[in-house]
Amino acid sequence: MGDVRESVPESTAWESGSGQWRSAARKRAGTPRGGGREVRARIRLWGSLGTLVALVLAALLVPALAGNEGGVHYEAIRLPPSPEHPFGTDTAGRDVFVRALAGLRVSLLVAAVSALVSTVLGAAVGTIAGALGGWTDRLLMRVVDTVNAVPHLLLGIVIVALYRGSVVAVVLSIALTHWTAVARIVRSEVLSLRQRPYIDAAISGGATRWRVLHRHLLPAIVPQAALSAVLLIPHAVWHETALSFLGLGLPPHMASIGNILGDGREAVLLGAWWIILFPSALLVVTTLAVSGIAASWRDGVVPRRRSELAL
């Protein structure tokens, strides 16, 4: 005689309130577990990607199409938000909406270049340390520990103070203080790959160290390095904003979120709250969009733990 539970339809199990029978019916129907998590991940990914694309397009097109709206107009100083000026105007009569988007474009460009330089430097150091090992690994890791011992913002201030108002100095200050995390990630990945059987088989087959590096190790660490670069972009945006806000970053005449916030410090005391509020909100939304994309990418690159898959 077969199991009585197998002969009970799913509707009967639902009406009887048996959670175990309902779960068994779903298993037989092939309903995948974790479907809600995957749907939420897709919504987060596409929502973040759409927001970032819209912001980038606006940052590229609006300042170019604005014409003289982004210029100085002393007859329109500190005007509140209106249909003509959605974000109001600043202390020089410049449209905050146009200037904030222009500043976002500059901040994202500086952050992207800084993240790229930092990732290349960190990936090179991590690959060399993990592939060579021995005293080379120990020496490079002590250099990483030394850089990490100094606060990143303080070290960045020292670098940009030597070449104040230089875009190259801002890029180097961010890149030279954030490559250590990439180096550690890449090194750990290389050390893990060195223990794989196919690496031992390649070495036993006579493959040179260079062949093993570019044929097996580099293709495996490129996704990790690219993910690290994406994760560094929001952090680099905030560092550039902090340096420019302190007057040590980009030149004052160049539009950036940090310069806009720095110009609006005194205007807030005069009641011009919009000069601070809207650029700050734009910065937060951009950071959340990039972080959402990076988080979705990370969930796809980094395998889940077995305990999470069993839920």
Protein backbone atom coordinates (compact mmCIF):
# COMPACT_ATOMS: atom_id res chain seq x y z
CA MET A 1 0.00 0.00 0.00
CA GLY A 2 1.38 3.36 -1.02
CA ASP A 3 1.93 6.27 1.26
CA VAL A 4 -1.26 8.10 2.15
CA ARG A 5 0.49 11.46 1.82
CA GLU A 6 1.31 10.74 -1.81
CA SER A 7 -2.39 10.28 -2.64
CA VAL A 8 -3.51 13.55 -1.06
CA PRO A 9 -3.66 16.37 -3.62
CA GLU A 10 -1.98 19.71 -2.98
CA SER A 11 -5.31 21.51 -2.52
CA THR A 12 -6.22 19.15 0.34
CA ALA A 13 -2.87 19.79 1.96
CA TRP A 14 -3.45 23.53 1.65
CA GLU A 15 -6.89 23.33 3.20
CA SER A 16 -5.69 21.11 6.00
CA GLY A 17 -2.91 23.56 6.82
CA SER A 18 -0.14 20.96 6.69
CA GLY A 19 3.05 22.83 5.90
CA GLN A 20 4.99 19.59 5.47
CA TRP A 21 2.61 18.23 2.84
CA ARG A 22 2.64 21.55 0.99
CA SER A 23 6.43 21.52 0.99
CA ALA A 24 6.44 17.95 -0.34
CA ALA A 25 4.02 18.90 -3.11
CA ARG A 26 6.25 21.78 -4.12
CA LYS A 27 9.24 19.47 -4.23
CA ARG A 28 7.39 17.06 -6.54
CA ALA A 29 6.33 19.96 -8.72
CA GLY A 30 9.93 21.02 -9.07
CA THR A 31 9.53 24.49 -7.58
CA PRO A 32 13.08 25.81 -7.05
CA ARG A 33 14.05 27.11 -3.66
CA GLY A 34 15.55 30.56 -3.42
CA GLY A 35 13.43 31.87 -6.29
CA GLY A 36 12.46 34.96 -4.32
CA ARG A 37 16.10 35.71 -3.62
CA GLU A 38 16.96 35.49 -7.31
CA VAL A 39 14.07 37.77 -8.25
CA ARG A 40 15.17 40.35 -5.69
CA ALA A 41 18.74 40.11 -6.97
CA ARG A 42 17.58 40.75 -10.54
CA ILE A 43 15.45 43.68 -9.45
CA ARG A 44 18.40 45.15 -7.56
CA LEU A 45 20.74 44.65 -10.51
CA TRP A 46 18.48 46.12 -13.18
CA GLY A 47 17.30 48.93 -10.92
CA SER A 48 20.87 49.91 -10.04
CA LEU A 49 22.02 49.58 -13.65
CA GLY A 50 19.14 51.68 -14.95
CA THR A 51 19.73 54.37 -12.34
CA LEU A 52 23.44 54.54 -13.09
CA VAL A 53 22.90 54.69 -16.87
CA ALA A 54 20.34 57.49 -16.44
CA LEU A 55 22.71 59.46 -14.21
CA VAL A 56 25.66 59.02 -16.56
CA LEU A 57 23.61 60.07 -19.59
CA ALA A 58 22.31 63.10 -17.71
CA ALA A 59 25.84 64.01 -16.60
CA LEU A 60 27.05 63.81 -20.19
CA LEU A 61 24.15 65.49 -21.98
CA VAL A 62 22.70 68.11 -19.63
CA PRO A 63 25.87 70.23 -19.14
CA ALA A 64 26.56 70.08 -22.89
CA LEU A 65 23.01 71.15 -23.78
CA ALA A 66 22.72 73.76 -21.03
CA GLY A 67 24.79 76.35 -22.83
CA ASN A 68 25.09 79.48 -20.70
CA GLU A 69 22.85 78.13 -17.93
CA GLY A 70 25.91 76.78 -16.15
CA GLY A 71 27.67 80.16 -16.33
CA VAL A 72 27.89 82.91 -13.74
CA HIS A 73 24.81 85.16 -13.36
CA TYR A 74 25.17 87.60 -10.49
CA GLU A 75 21.59 88.79 -10.91
CA ALA A 76 20.34 85.29 -9.97
CA ILE A 77 22.29 84.62 -6.77
CA ARG A 78 20.94 81.97 -4.37
CA LEU A 79 17.56 81.53 -6.00
CA PRO A 80 15.46 78.72 -4.44
CA PRO A 81 14.39 75.69 -6.50
CA SER A 82 11.92 76.58 -9.23
CA PRO A 83 10.77 75.20 -12.59
CA GLU A 84 13.47 77.28 -14.25
CA HIS A 85 16.17 76.09 -11.83
CA PRO A 86 15.14 72.68 -10.37
CA PHE A 87 18.02 72.67 -7.86
CA GLY A 88 18.17 76.43 -7.40
CA THR A 89 21.27 78.58 -7.95
CA ASP A 90 24.47 78.99 -5.95
CA THR A 91 26.32 82.03 -4.62
CA ALA A 92 27.55 82.91 -8.13
CA GLY A 93 24.15 82.52 -9.78
CA ARG A 94 25.08 79.23 -11.43
CA ASP A 95 22.40 76.60 -11.96
CA VAL A 96 23.00 73.95 -9.29
CA PHE A 97 21.29 71.23 -11.37
CA VAL A 98 23.65 71.72 -14.31
CA ARG A 99 26.69 72.21 -12.11
CA ALA A 100 25.89 69.13 -9.98
CA LEU A 101 25.61 66.91 -13.05
CA ALA A 102 28.84 68.35 -14.44
CA GLY A 103 30.49 67.71 -11.09
CA LEU A 104 29.15 64.16 -11.03
CA ARG A 105 30.71 63.54 -14.44
CA VAL A 106 34.09 64.78 -13.23
CA SER A 107 33.87 62.86 -9.95
CA LEU A 108 32.95 59.60 -11.69
CA LEU A 109 35.75 60.02 -14.22
CA VAL A 110 38.35 60.67 -11.53
CA ALA A 111 37.02 57.75 -9.45
CA ALA A 112 37.02 55.36 -12.43
CA VAL A 113 40.62 56.22 -13.38
CA SER A 114 41.71 55.96 -9.74
CA ALA A 115 40.01 52.57 -9.34
CA LEU A 116 41.62 51.32 -12.56
CA VAL A 117 45.13 52.40 -11.53
CA SER A 118 44.63 51.01 -8.03
CA THR A 119 43.36 47.68 -9.35
CA VAL A 120 46.22 47.26 -11.81
CA LEU A 121 48.79 48.05 -9.13
CA GLY A 122 47.17 45.82 -6.52
CA ALA A 123 46.66 42.94 -8.96
CA ALA A 124 50.31 43.11 -10.04
CA VAL A 125 51.58 43.08 -6.45
CA GLY A 126 49.19 40.31 -5.39
CA THR A 127 50.02 38.14 -8.38
CA ILE A 128 53.78 38.48 -7.87
CA ALA A 129 53.51 37.78 -4.14
CA GLY A 130 51.28 34.76 -4.58
CA ALA A 131 53.10 33.28 -7.57
CA LEU A 132 56.68 33.66 -6.31
CA GLY A 133 56.09 33.12 -2.59
CA GLY A 134 59.02 32.92 -0.20
CA TRP A 135 60.85 36.10 0.78
CA THR A 136 59.21 38.03 -2.09
CA ASP A 137 55.79 37.28 -0.66
CA ARG A 138 56.84 38.24 2.86
CA LEU A 139 58.46 41.51 1.70
CA LEU A 140 55.47 42.62 -0.38
CA MET A 141 53.02 41.77 2.39
CA ARG A 142 55.02 43.85 4.87
CA VAL A 143 54.77 46.76 2.42
CA VAL A 144 51.00 46.20 2.30
CA ASP A 145 50.82 46.20 6.10
CA THR A 146 52.84 49.42 6.25
CA VAL A 147 50.50 51.22 3.85
CA ASN A 148 47.45 49.94 5.72
CA ALA A 149 48.88 51.23 9.01
CA VAL A 150 48.50 54.84 7.79
CA PRO A 151 44.94 56.25 7.57
CA HIS A 152 44.00 56.47 3.89
CA LEU A 153 42.50 59.95 4.06
CA LEU A 154 45.50 61.31 5.94
CA LEU A 155 47.94 59.82 3.44
CA GLY A 156 45.83 61.14 0.57
CA ILE A 157 45.88 64.65 2.07
CA VAL A 158 49.67 64.51 2.29
CA ILE A 159 49.96 63.50 -1.38
CA VAL A 160 47.57 66.13 -2.76
CA ALA A 161 49.07 68.83 -0.51
CA LEU A 162 52.37 68.44 -2.36
CA TYR A 163 50.69 69.15 -5.72
CA ARG A 164 47.62 71.15 -4.77
CA GLY A 165 44.97 71.58 -7.45
CA SER A 166 46.33 68.80 -9.68
CA VAL A 167 43.97 66.19 -11.08
CA VAL A 168 46.87 63.73 -11.42
CA ALA A 169 47.70 64.20 -7.72
CA VAL A 170 44.10 63.41 -6.76
CA VAL A 171 44.11 60.25 -8.88
CA LEU A 172 47.44 59.12 -7.42
CA SER A 173 46.36 59.90 -3.86
CA ILE A 174 43.34 57.62 -4.22
CA ALA A 175 45.13 54.88 -6.18
CA LEU A 176 48.18 54.72 -3.92
CA THR A 177 46.05 54.34 -0.79
CA HIS A 178 43.56 51.72 -2.00
CA TRP A 179 45.61 49.14 -3.89
CA THR A 180 46.35 47.08 -0.79
CA ALA A 181 42.89 45.51 -0.58
CA VAL A 182 43.12 44.38 -4.20
CA ALA A 183 46.58 42.97 -3.58
CA ARG A 184 45.37 40.85 -0.66
CA ILE A 185 42.37 39.52 -2.61
CA VAL A 186 44.44 38.61 -5.67
CA ARG A 187 47.21 37.06 -3.55
CA SER A 188 44.76 34.82 -1.71
CA GLU A 189 43.22 33.74 -5.01
CA VAL A 190 46.63 32.91 -6.48
CA LEU A 191 47.62 30.93 -3.37
CA SER A 192 44.37 28.98 -3.66
CA LEU A 193 44.93 28.28 -7.35
CA ARG A 194 48.47 27.03 -6.75
CA GLN A 195 47.00 24.11 -4.78
CA ARG A 196 44.72 22.98 -7.61
CA PRO A 197 45.49 19.63 -9.31
CA TYR A 198 45.52 21.06 -12.82
CA ILE A 199 48.27 23.51 -11.82
CA ASP A 200 50.39 20.61 -10.52
CA ALA A 201 49.66 18.72 -13.73
CA ALA A 202 50.77 21.66 -15.87
CA ILE A 203 54.01 22.04 -13.92
CA SER A 204 54.66 18.30 -14.06
CA GLY A 205 54.09 18.43 -17.81
CA GLY A 206 56.92 20.90 -18.22
CA ALA A 207 54.98 24.17 -18.40
CA THR A 208 57.05 27.20 -17.54
CA ARG A 209 56.09 29.59 -14.75
CA TRP A 210 55.15 32.25 -17.30
CA ARG A 211 52.86 29.82 -19.15
CA VAL A 212 51.14 28.79 -15.93
CA LEU A 213 50.72 32.44 -15.01
CA HIS A 214 49.13 33.70 -18.22
CA ARG A 215 47.32 30.46 -19.14
CA HIS A 216 45.83 29.45 -15.78
CA LEU A 217 46.29 32.10 -13.09
CA LEU A 218 45.47 35.35 -14.91
CA PRO A 219 42.14 34.16 -16.40
CA ALA A 220 41.06 33.13 -12.90
CA ILE A 221 42.00 36.37 -11.12
CA VAL A 222 40.72 38.83 -13.74
CA PRO A 223 37.06 38.55 -12.56
CA GLN A 224 38.14 39.15 -8.95
CA ALA A 225 40.26 42.14 -9.96
CA ALA A 226 37.45 43.61 -12.08
CA LEU A 227 35.01 43.21 -9.20
CA SER A 228 37.46 44.96 -6.90
CA ALA A 229 37.68 47.86 -9.35
CA VAL A 230 33.90 48.27 -9.40
CA LEU A 231 33.77 48.12 -5.60
CA LEU A 232 36.46 50.81 -5.41
CA ILE A 233 34.55 53.34 -7.53
CA PRO A 234 32.07 54.47 -4.82
CA HIS A 235 34.89 54.66 -2.29
CA ALA A 236 36.99 56.71 -4.71
CA VAL A 237 34.08 59.09 -5.35
CA TRP A 238 33.76 59.78 -1.63
CA HIS A 239 37.51 60.29 -1.24
CA GLU A 240 37.63 62.73 -4.15
CA THR A 241 34.63 64.55 -2.71
CA ALA A 242 36.25 64.78 0.72
CA LEU A 243 39.53 66.10 -0.70
CA SER A 244 37.78 68.71 -2.86
CA PHE A 245 35.52 69.69 0.03
CA LEU A 246 38.62 70.40 2.12
CA GLY A 247 40.05 72.53 -0.69
CA LEU A 248 42.87 70.09 -1.44
CA GLY A 249 41.41 68.21 -4.39
CA LEU A 250 40.39 69.45 -7.81
CA PRO A 251 40.91 73.10 -8.79
CA PRO A 252 38.14 75.44 -7.51
CA HIS A 253 37.03 76.40 -11.02
CA MET A 254 36.43 72.75 -11.96
CA ALA A 255 32.95 71.45 -11.18
CA SER A 256 32.90 68.49 -8.81
CA ILE A 257 30.59 67.40 -6.03
CA GLY A 258 33.24 68.22 -3.44
CA ASN A 259 33.78 71.74 -4.79
CA ILE A 260 30.03 72.36 -4.88
CA LEU A 261 29.63 71.24 -1.28
CA GLY A 262 32.63 73.34 -0.27
CA ASP A 263 31.13 76.42 -1.93
CA GLY A 264 27.80 75.78 -0.22
CA ARG A 265 29.09 75.65 3.37
CA GLU A 266 28.66 79.36 3.98
CA ALA A 267 25.52 79.58 1.86
CA VAL A 268 23.71 77.20 4.23
CA LEU A 269 24.03 79.78 7.00
CA LEU A 270 22.25 82.26 4.72
CA GLY A 271 19.35 79.87 4.14
CA ALA A 272 20.47 78.41 0.79
CA TRP A 273 20.04 74.80 1.90
CA TRP A 274 19.49 73.52 -1.64
CA ILE A 275 23.15 74.04 -2.59
CA ILE A 276 24.09 71.27 -0.15
CA LEU A 277 21.02 69.05 -0.24
CA PHE A 278 20.62 68.22 -3.93
CA PRO A 279 24.28 67.53 -4.82
CA SER A 280 24.58 65.38 -1.68
CA ALA A 281 21.47 63.41 -2.65
CA LEU A 282 22.85 62.96 -6.17
CA LEU A 283 26.11 61.64 -4.71
CA VAL A 284 24.29 59.19 -2.43
CA VAL A 285 22.06 57.87 -5.24
CA THR A 286 25.07 57.35 -7.52
CA THR A 287 26.96 55.54 -4.78
CA LEU A 288 24.02 53.25 -4.06
CA ALA A 289 23.59 52.46 -7.76
CA VAL A 290 27.24 51.49 -8.22
CA SER A 291 27.20 49.52 -4.96
CA GLY A 292 24.08 47.63 -6.08
CA ILE A 293 25.74 46.63 -9.34
CA ALA A 294 28.89 45.57 -7.52
CA ALA A 295 26.90 43.55 -4.98
CA SER A 296 25.01 41.72 -7.72
CA TRP A 297 28.25 41.00 -9.55
CA ARG A 298 29.85 39.79 -6.33
CA ASP A 299 26.98 37.38 -5.70
CA GLY A 300 27.50 35.96 -9.17
CA VAL A 301 31.30 35.68 -8.98
CA VAL A 302 31.73 34.50 -5.40
CA PRO A 303 30.05 31.09 -4.89
CA ARG A 304 27.54 30.82 -2.08
CA ARG A 305 28.19 28.74 0.96
CA ARG A 306 26.63 25.34 1.10
CA SER A 307 24.59 26.34 4.10
CA GLU A 308 22.98 29.11 2.08
CA LEU A 309 22.26 26.77 -0.80
CA ALA A 310 20.59 24.30 1.55
CA LEU A 311 18.05 26.88 2.72
